[in-house]
Amino acid sequence: MSEIRVLIVDDEEDMRNLVQMYLENAGFICYQASSGKAAYEILKEKQLDLMLLDIMMPDEDGYEVCKNVRELSDLPIIFLSAKGEEWDKVKAFGLGADDYIVKPFSPGELTARIQAVIRRTGNASFSEHVHRVGKITIDSKARTVLVDGDTISLTLKEYEMLLFFVKNKGQSLSREQLLERIWGMDYTGSLRTVDTHIKTLRMKLGTGDYIQTIWGIGYKFEVPKE
């Protein structure tokens, strides 16, 4: 499954940071908002897979935020709240929430409930063919690549190389491995072919930070820290 992007909406900074730490340790990508207004702005700018939403917030409470988001999107929403009464849960589900978790909760419960909602809402099949890493989005069905929301044009070999890197993120790959995987065992060309394609791929991605040179070995794909 590709990385899941979660928006954490809570007016308490310590809680937002704690939840983000839990989720990033589990491999999620996180964004934070301290209010409904800030959440709406992030929703306009980012591609998200799920929202974690507190109830007790100034200005608009979580119920109002959930209602407003539901009018615009079917983004999965999980309430995270200290309010554990049945009435609170009934109201949340009535407004379109997908799950409700009462504080305090464990990191394991949180990540498991998020994954369950993602599977139940249908995003699991989507994530099988859409790979999102950093600012890069690859749709392997459509064979399209977006960088920061803009489509870039890649040759077939560049596309296959990028997809192979993404699927093997964090692993050091030798030039020989890349040549055999992308060009096939019968290819008789030079290893310089790999270096040339890496150079042009870096240029098209707009940065060389994703594909790192591992001296004496080859290359490794990493997501640069924003």
C-alpha atoms as a PDB file:
ATOM      1  CA  MET A   1       0.000   0.000   0.000  1.00  0.00           C
ATOM      2  CA  SER A   2       1.305   3.488  -0.866  1.00  0.00           C
ATOM      3  CA  GLU A   3       1.845   6.049   1.860  1.00  0.00           C
ATOM      4  CA  ILE A   4      -1.367   7.289   3.476  1.00  0.00           C
ATOM      5  CA  ARG A   5      -1.701  11.053   3.892  1.00  0.00           C
ATOM      6  CA  VAL A   6      -3.529  12.098   7.049  1.00  0.00           C
ATOM      7  CA  LEU A   7      -4.696  15.541   8.176  1.00  0.00           C
ATOM      8  CA  ILE A   8      -4.717  15.931  11.971  1.00  0.00           C
ATOM      9  CA  VAL A   9      -7.212  18.618  13.090  1.00  0.00           C
ATOM     10  CA  ASP A  10      -6.935  19.522  16.786  1.00  0.00           C
ATOM     11  CA  ASP A  11      -6.494  22.833  18.599  1.00  0.00           C
ATOM     12  CA  GLU A  12      -4.012  21.277  21.066  1.00  0.00           C
ATOM     13  CA  GLU A  13      -0.509  21.373  19.588  1.00  0.00           C
ATOM     14  CA  ASP A  14       0.842  18.693  21.951  1.00  0.00           C
ATOM     15  CA  MET A  15      -1.888  16.280  20.865  1.00  0.00           C
ATOM     16  CA  ARG A  16      -1.273  17.001  17.176  1.00  0.00           C
ATOM     17  CA  ASN A  17       2.444  16.383  17.599  1.00  0.00           C
ATOM     18  CA  LEU A  18       1.845  13.166  19.553  1.00  0.00           C
ATOM     19  CA  VAL A  19      -0.527  11.773  16.924  1.00  0.00           C
ATOM     20  CA  GLN A  20       1.864  12.784  14.150  1.00  0.00           C
ATOM     21  CA  MET A  21       4.723  10.986  15.894  1.00  0.00           C
ATOM     22  CA  TYR A  22       2.612   7.811  16.213  1.00  0.00           C
ATOM     23  CA  LEU A  23       1.593   7.899  12.559  1.00  0.00           C
ATOM     24  CA  GLU A  24       4.956   8.813  11.071  1.00  0.00           C
ATOM     25  CA  ASN A  25       6.533   5.946  12.984  1.00  0.00           C
ATOM     26  CA  ALA A  26       3.998   3.709  11.194  1.00  0.00           C
ATOM     27  CA  GLY A  27       4.876   5.139   7.779  1.00  0.00           C
ATOM     28  CA  PHE A  28       2.075   7.688   7.316  1.00  0.00           C
ATOM     29  CA  ILE A  29       2.495  11.224   5.957  1.00  0.00           C
ATOM     30  CA  CYS A  30       0.924  13.854   8.217  1.00  0.00           C
ATOM     31  CA  TYR A  31      -0.340  17.414   7.995  1.00  0.00           C
ATOM     32  CA  GLN A  32      -1.623  19.501  10.897  1.00  0.00           C
ATOM     33  CA  ALA A  33      -4.396  22.061  11.326  1.00  0.00           C
ATOM     34  CA  SER A  34      -5.340  23.832  14.564  1.00  0.00           C
ATOM     35  CA  SER A  35      -8.822  24.875  13.414  1.00  0.00           C
ATOM     36  CA  GLY A  36     -11.510  24.197  10.855  1.00  0.00           C
ATOM     37  CA  LYS A  37     -10.425  27.218   8.813  1.00  0.00           C
ATOM     38  CA  ALA A  38      -6.838  25.928   8.609  1.00  0.00           C
ATOM     39  CA  ALA A  39      -8.129  22.454   7.710  1.00  0.00           C
ATOM     40  CA  TYR A  40     -10.151  23.792   4.772  1.00  0.00           C
ATOM     41  CA  GLU A  41      -7.057  25.494   3.350  1.00  0.00           C
ATOM     42  CA  ILE A  42      -5.030  22.290   3.530  1.00  0.00           C
ATOM     43  CA  LEU A  43      -7.877  20.346   1.922  1.00  0.00           C
ATOM     44  CA  LYS A  44      -7.694  22.729  -1.052  1.00  0.00           C
ATOM     45  CA  GLU A  45      -3.931  22.355  -1.430  1.00  0.00           C
ATOM     46  CA  LYS A  46      -3.156  18.724  -0.604  1.00  0.00           C
ATOM     47  CA  GLN A  47      -4.240  15.293  -1.744  1.00  0.00           C
ATOM     48  CA  LEU A  48      -5.388  13.548   1.427  1.00  0.00           C
ATOM     49  CA  ASP A  49      -6.548  10.043   2.278  1.00  0.00           C
ATOM     50  CA  LEU A  50      -8.107  10.641   5.702  1.00  0.00           C
ATOM     51  CA  MET A  51      -8.866  13.264   8.346  1.00  0.00           C
ATOM     52  CA  LEU A  52      -8.492  12.850  12.126  1.00  0.00           C
ATOM     53  CA  LEU A  53     -10.817  15.345  13.793  1.00  0.00           C
ATOM     54  CA  ASP A  54     -11.188  16.586  17.359  1.00  0.00           C
ATOM     55  CA  ILE A  55     -14.575  17.824  18.591  1.00  0.00           C
ATOM     56  CA  MET A  56     -13.790  20.529  21.130  1.00  0.00           C
ATOM     57  CA  MET A  57     -12.178  23.370  19.176  1.00  0.00           C
ATOM     58  CA  PRO A  58     -12.702  27.157  19.197  1.00  0.00           C
ATOM     59  CA  ASP A  59     -14.769  28.903  16.504  1.00  0.00           C
ATOM     60  CA  GLU A  60     -16.068  25.792  14.710  1.00  0.00           C
ATOM     61  CA  ASP A  61     -16.250  22.536  16.665  1.00  0.00           C
ATOM     62  CA  GLY A  62     -15.496  19.187  15.079  1.00  0.00           C
ATOM     63  CA  TYR A  63     -19.148  18.510  14.295  1.00  0.00           C
ATOM     64  CA  GLU A  64     -19.389  21.675  12.219  1.00  0.00           C
ATOM     65  CA  VAL A  65     -16.105  20.915  10.454  1.00  0.00           C
ATOM     66  CA  CYS A  66     -17.284  17.395   9.640  1.00  0.00           C
ATOM     67  CA  LYS A  67     -20.569  18.742   8.256  1.00  0.00           C
ATOM     68  CA  ASN A  68     -18.761  21.277   6.053  1.00  0.00           C
ATOM     69  CA  VAL A  69     -16.223  18.763   4.750  1.00  0.00           C
ATOM     70  CA  ARG A  70     -18.990  16.283   3.939  1.00  0.00           C
ATOM     71  CA  GLU A  71     -20.691  18.869   1.736  1.00  0.00           C
ATOM     72  CA  LEU A  72     -17.545  19.073  -0.383  1.00  0.00           C
ATOM     73  CA  SER A  73     -15.844  15.695  -0.175  1.00  0.00           C
ATOM     74  CA  ASP A  74     -16.164  12.018   0.725  1.00  0.00           C
ATOM     75  CA  LEU A  75     -12.771  12.105   2.457  1.00  0.00           C
ATOM     76  CA  PRO A  76     -12.809   9.502   5.281  1.00  0.00           C
ATOM     77  CA  ILE A  77     -13.118  11.154   8.710  1.00  0.00           C
ATOM     78  CA  ILE A  78     -12.252   9.634  12.094  1.00  0.00           C
ATOM     79  CA  PHE A  79     -13.140  11.583  15.227  1.00  0.00           C
ATOM     80  CA  LEU A  80     -10.510  11.615  17.995  1.00  0.00           C
ATOM     81  CA  SER A  81     -12.169  12.969  21.124  1.00  0.00           C
ATOM     82  CA  ALA A  82     -12.182  12.830  24.895  1.00  0.00           C
ATOM     83  CA  LYS A  83     -15.990  12.917  24.686  1.00  0.00           C
ATOM     84  CA  GLY A  84     -17.024   9.287  24.964  1.00  0.00           C
ATOM     85  CA  GLU A  85     -20.761   9.455  25.528  1.00  0.00           C
ATOM     86  CA  GLU A  86     -23.049   7.535  23.195  1.00  0.00           C
ATOM     87  CA  TRP A  87     -24.777  10.762  22.135  1.00  0.00           C
ATOM     88  CA  ASP A  88     -21.468  12.201  20.922  1.00  0.00           C
ATOM     89  CA  LYS A  89     -20.752   9.148  18.797  1.00  0.00           C
ATOM     90  CA  VAL A  90     -24.277   9.024  17.379  1.00  0.00           C
ATOM     91  CA  LYS A  91     -24.057  12.694  16.360  1.00  0.00           C
ATOM     92  CA  ALA A  92     -20.649  12.173  14.752  1.00  0.00           C
ATOM     93  CA  PHE A  93     -21.793   9.187  12.709  1.00  0.00           C
ATOM     94  CA  GLY A  94     -24.971  11.050  11.776  1.00  0.00           C
ATOM     95  CA  LEU A  95     -22.834  13.809  10.247  1.00  0.00           C
ATOM     96  CA  GLY A  96     -20.891  11.315   8.147  1.00  0.00           C
ATOM     97  CA  ALA A  97     -17.968  10.208  10.321  1.00  0.00           C
ATOM     98  CA  ASP A  98     -16.387   6.874   9.373  1.00  0.00           C
ATOM     99  CA  ASP A  99     -15.127   6.001  12.866  1.00  0.00           C
ATOM    100  CA  TYR A 100     -14.874   7.414  16.380  1.00  0.00           C
ATOM    101  CA  ILE A 101     -11.924   6.878  18.747  1.00  0.00           C
ATOM    102  CA  VAL A 102     -12.033   7.991  22.372  1.00  0.00           C
ATOM    103  CA  LYS A 103      -8.931   9.533  23.945  1.00  0.00           C
ATOM    104  CA  PRO A 104      -6.668   8.192  25.322  1.00  0.00           C
ATOM    105  CA  PHE A 105      -5.797   5.578  22.721  1.00  0.00           C
ATOM    106  CA  SER A 106      -2.772   3.458  21.849  1.00  0.00           C
ATOM    107  CA  PRO A 107      -0.613   3.927  18.727  1.00  0.00           C
ATOM    108  CA  GLY A 108      -1.512   0.418  17.607  1.00  0.00           C
ATOM    109  CA  GLU A 109      -5.252   1.020  17.874  1.00  0.00           C
ATOM    110  CA  LEU A 110      -4.991   4.317  16.000  1.00  0.00           C
ATOM    111  CA  THR A 111      -3.038   2.945  13.042  1.00  0.00           C
ATOM    112  CA  ALA A 112      -5.215  -0.183  12.839  1.00  0.00           C
ATOM    113  CA  ARG A 113      -8.440   1.842  12.827  1.00  0.00           C
ATOM    114  CA  ILE A 114      -7.085   4.158  10.111  1.00  0.00           C
ATOM    115  CA  GLN A 115      -6.088   1.217   7.916  1.00  0.00           C
ATOM    116  CA  ALA A 116      -9.488  -0.391   8.462  1.00  0.00           C
ATOM    117  CA  VAL A 117     -11.304   2.773   7.380  1.00  0.00           C
ATOM    118  CA  ILE A 118      -9.073   3.127   4.312  1.00  0.00           C
ATOM    119  CA  ARG A 119      -9.894  -0.455   3.300  1.00  0.00           C
ATOM    120  CA  ARG A 120     -13.599  -0.068   4.040  1.00  0.00           C
ATOM    121  CA  THR A 121     -13.992   3.184   2.108  1.00  0.00           C
ATOM    122  CA  GLY A 122     -12.419   1.738  -1.002  1.00  0.00           C
ATOM    123  CA  ASN A 123      -9.094   3.571  -0.991  1.00  0.00           C
ATOM    124  CA  ALA A 124      -7.168   0.307  -0.612  1.00  0.00           C
ATOM    125  CA  SER A 125      -7.704  -0.674  -4.229  1.00  0.00           C
ATOM    126  CA  PHE A 126      -6.789   2.864  -5.274  1.00  0.00           C
ATOM    127  CA  SER A 127      -3.512   2.692  -3.404  1.00  0.00           C
ATOM    128  CA  GLU A 128      -2.529  -0.521  -5.170  1.00  0.00           C
ATOM    129  CA  HIS A 129      -1.920   1.344  -8.406  1.00  0.00           C
ATOM    130  CA  VAL A 130      -1.342   4.907  -7.191  1.00  0.00           C
ATOM    131  CA  HIS A 131       2.009   5.525  -5.511  1.00  0.00           C
ATOM    132  CA  ARG A 132       2.586   8.797  -3.689  1.00  0.00           C
ATOM    133  CA  VAL A 133       6.039   9.669  -2.388  1.00  0.00           C
ATOM    134  CA  GLY A 134       6.909  13.202  -1.398  1.00  0.00           C
ATOM    135  CA  LYS A 135       5.596  15.473  -4.153  1.00  0.00           C
ATOM    136  CA  ILE A 136       5.527  12.648  -6.710  1.00  0.00           C
ATOM    137  CA  THR A 137       2.317  10.789  -7.655  1.00  0.00           C
ATOM    138  CA  ILE A 138       2.518   7.803 -10.014  1.00  0.00           C
ATOM    139  CA  ASP A 139      -0.605   6.175 -11.446  1.00  0.00           C
ATOM    140  CA  SER A 140       0.586   2.838 -12.809  1.00  0.00           C
ATOM    141  CA  LYS A 141      -2.746   2.182 -14.555  1.00  0.00           C
ATOM    142  CA  ALA A 142      -2.793   5.464 -16.421  1.00  0.00           C
ATOM    143  CA  ARG A 143       1.036   5.516 -16.649  1.00  0.00           C
ATOM    144  CA  THR A 144       1.081   9.135 -15.539  1.00  0.00           C
ATOM    145  CA  VAL A 145       3.506  10.950 -13.250  1.00  0.00           C
ATOM    146  CA  LEU A 146       2.734  14.176 -11.389  1.00  0.00           C
ATOM    147  CA  VAL A 147       5.215  16.307  -9.490  1.00  0.00           C
ATOM    148  CA  ASP A 148       3.625  18.771  -7.089  1.00  0.00           C
ATOM    149  CA  GLY A 149       0.374  18.376  -9.014  1.00  0.00           C
ATOM    150  CA  ASP A 150       1.855  18.993 -12.477  1.00  0.00           C
ATOM    151  CA  THR A 151       2.145  16.216 -15.070  1.00  0.00           C
ATOM    152  CA  ILE A 152       5.658  15.528 -16.354  1.00  0.00           C
ATOM    153  CA  SER A 153       6.527  13.714 -19.581  1.00  0.00           C
ATOM    154  CA  LEU A 154       8.775  10.664 -19.211  1.00  0.00           C
ATOM    155  CA  THR A 155      10.062   8.176 -21.729  1.00  0.00           C
ATOM    156  CA  LEU A 156       9.096   4.545 -21.172  1.00  0.00           C
ATOM    157  CA  LYS A 157      12.492   3.706 -19.645  1.00  0.00           C
ATOM    158  CA  GLU A 158      12.434   6.777 -17.398  1.00  0.00           C
ATOM    159  CA  TYR A 159       8.943   5.860 -16.212  1.00  0.00           C
ATOM    160  CA  GLU A 160       9.891   2.229 -15.544  1.00  0.00           C
ATOM    161  CA  MET A 161      13.020   3.325 -13.693  1.00  0.00           C
ATOM    162  CA  LEU A 162      11.112   5.805 -11.508  1.00  0.00           C
ATOM    163  CA  LEU A 163       8.436   3.230 -10.662  1.00  0.00           C
ATOM    164  CA  PHE A 164      11.117   0.654  -9.804  1.00  0.00           C
ATOM    165  CA  PHE A 165      12.859   3.182  -7.553  1.00  0.00           C
ATOM    166  CA  VAL A 166       9.600   4.062  -5.772  1.00  0.00           C
ATOM    167  CA  LYS A 167       8.728   0.402  -5.186  1.00  0.00           C
ATOM    168  CA  ASN A 168      12.207  -0.121  -3.727  1.00  0.00           C
ATOM    169  CA  LYS A 169      12.410   3.121  -1.768  1.00  0.00           C
ATOM    170  CA  GLY A 170      15.329   3.251   0.655  1.00  0.00           C
ATOM    171  CA  GLN A 171      17.196   0.350  -0.943  1.00  0.00           C
ATOM    172  CA  SER A 172      20.610   0.752  -2.546  1.00  0.00           C
ATOM    173  CA  LEU A 173      20.422  -0.469  -6.137  1.00  0.00           C
ATOM    174  CA  SER A 174      23.479  -1.176  -8.253  1.00  0.00           C
ATOM    175  CA  ARG A 175      23.781  -0.037 -11.860  1.00  0.00           C
ATOM    176  CA  GLU A 176      23.787  -3.698 -12.845  1.00  0.00           C
ATOM    177  CA  GLN A 177      20.480  -4.287 -11.043  1.00  0.00           C
ATOM    178  CA  LEU A 178      18.891  -1.292 -12.732  1.00  0.00           C
ATOM    179  CA  LEU A 179      20.219  -2.246 -16.159  1.00  0.00           C
ATOM    180  CA  GLU A 180      18.951  -5.818 -15.849  1.00  0.00           C
ATOM    181  CA  ARG A 181      15.562  -4.798 -14.433  1.00  0.00           C
ATOM    182  CA  ILE A 182      14.809  -1.963 -16.883  1.00  0.00           C
ATOM    183  CA  TRP A 183      16.618  -3.056 -20.050  1.00  0.00           C
ATOM    184  CA  GLY A 184      16.633  -6.847 -19.573  1.00  0.00           C
ATOM    185  CA  MET A 185      19.314  -9.466 -19.253  1.00  0.00           C
ATOM    186  CA  ASP A 186      20.013  -9.504 -23.006  1.00  0.00           C
ATOM    187  CA  TYR A 187      20.894  -5.819 -23.180  1.00  0.00           C
ATOM    188  CA  THR A 188      24.486  -5.341 -24.335  1.00  0.00           C
ATOM    189  CA  GLY A 189      24.848  -1.609 -23.800  1.00  0.00           C
ATOM    190  CA  SER A 190      27.064   0.195 -21.287  1.00  0.00           C
ATOM    191  CA  LEU A 191      26.307   0.893 -17.631  1.00  0.00           C
ATOM    192  CA  ARG A 192      26.576   4.550 -18.626  1.00  0.00           C
ATOM    193  CA  THR A 193      23.063   4.140 -20.022  1.00  0.00           C
ATOM    194  CA  VAL A 194      21.811   4.010 -16.438  1.00  0.00           C
ATOM    195  CA  ASP A 195      23.703   7.175 -15.462  1.00  0.00           C
ATOM    196  CA  THR A 196      22.343   9.049 -18.494  1.00  0.00           C
ATOM    197  CA  HIS A 197      18.751   8.135 -17.690  1.00  0.00           C
ATOM    198  CA  ILE A 198      19.250   9.036 -14.019  1.00  0.00           C
ATOM    199  CA  LYS A 199      20.517  12.458 -15.069  1.00  0.00           C
ATOM    200  CA  THR A 200      17.510  13.210 -17.281  1.00  0.00           C
ATOM    201  CA  LEU A 201      15.091  11.769 -14.715  1.00  0.00           C
ATOM    202  CA  ARG A 202      16.489  14.046 -12.023  1.00  0.00           C
ATOM    203  CA  MET A 203      16.074  17.034 -14.343  1.00  0.00           C
ATOM    204  CA  LYS A 204      12.444  16.176 -15.091  1.00  0.00           C
ATOM    205  CA  LEU A 205      11.647  15.650 -11.402  1.00  0.00           C
ATOM    206  CA  GLY A 206      13.047  19.121 -10.804  1.00  0.00           C
ATOM    207  CA  THR A 207      15.503  17.980  -8.144  1.00  0.00           C
ATOM    208  CA  GLY A 208      18.232  15.429  -7.608  1.00  0.00           C
ATOM    209  CA  ASP A 209      17.272  14.932  -3.969  1.00  0.00           C
ATOM    210  CA  TYR A 210      14.987  11.952  -4.653  1.00  0.00           C
ATOM    211  CA  ILE A 211      17.603   9.820  -6.425  1.00  0.00           C
ATOM    212  CA  GLN A 212      20.770   9.733  -4.350  1.00  0.00           C
ATOM    213  CA  THR A 213      24.118   8.524  -5.627  1.00  0.00           C
ATOM    214  CA  ILE A 214      25.653   5.788  -3.485  1.00  0.00           C
ATOM    215  CA  TRP A 215      29.315   5.942  -4.363  1.00  0.00           C
ATOM    216  CA  GLY A 216      30.819   2.625  -5.362  1.00  0.00           C
ATOM    217  CA  ILE A 217      27.382   0.970  -5.519  1.00  0.00           C
ATOM    218  CA  GLY A 218      24.767   2.821  -7.561  1.00  0.00           C
ATOM    219  CA  TYR A 219      21.674   4.759  -6.505  1.00  0.00           C
ATOM    220  CA  LYS A 220      18.994   4.945  -3.827  1.00  0.00           C
ATOM    221  CA  PHE A 221      15.556   6.592  -3.856  1.00  0.00           C
ATOM    222  CA  GLU A 222      14.667   8.645  -0.766  1.00  0.00           C
ATOM    223  CA  VAL A 223      11.986  11.238  -0.063  1.00  0.00           C
ATOM    224  CA  PRO A 224      13.596  14.551   0.908  1.00  0.00           C
ATOM    225  CA  LYS A 225      12.337  16.159   4.090  1.00  0.00           C
ATOM    226  CA  GLU A 226      10.086  19.131   3.411  1.00  0.00           C
END
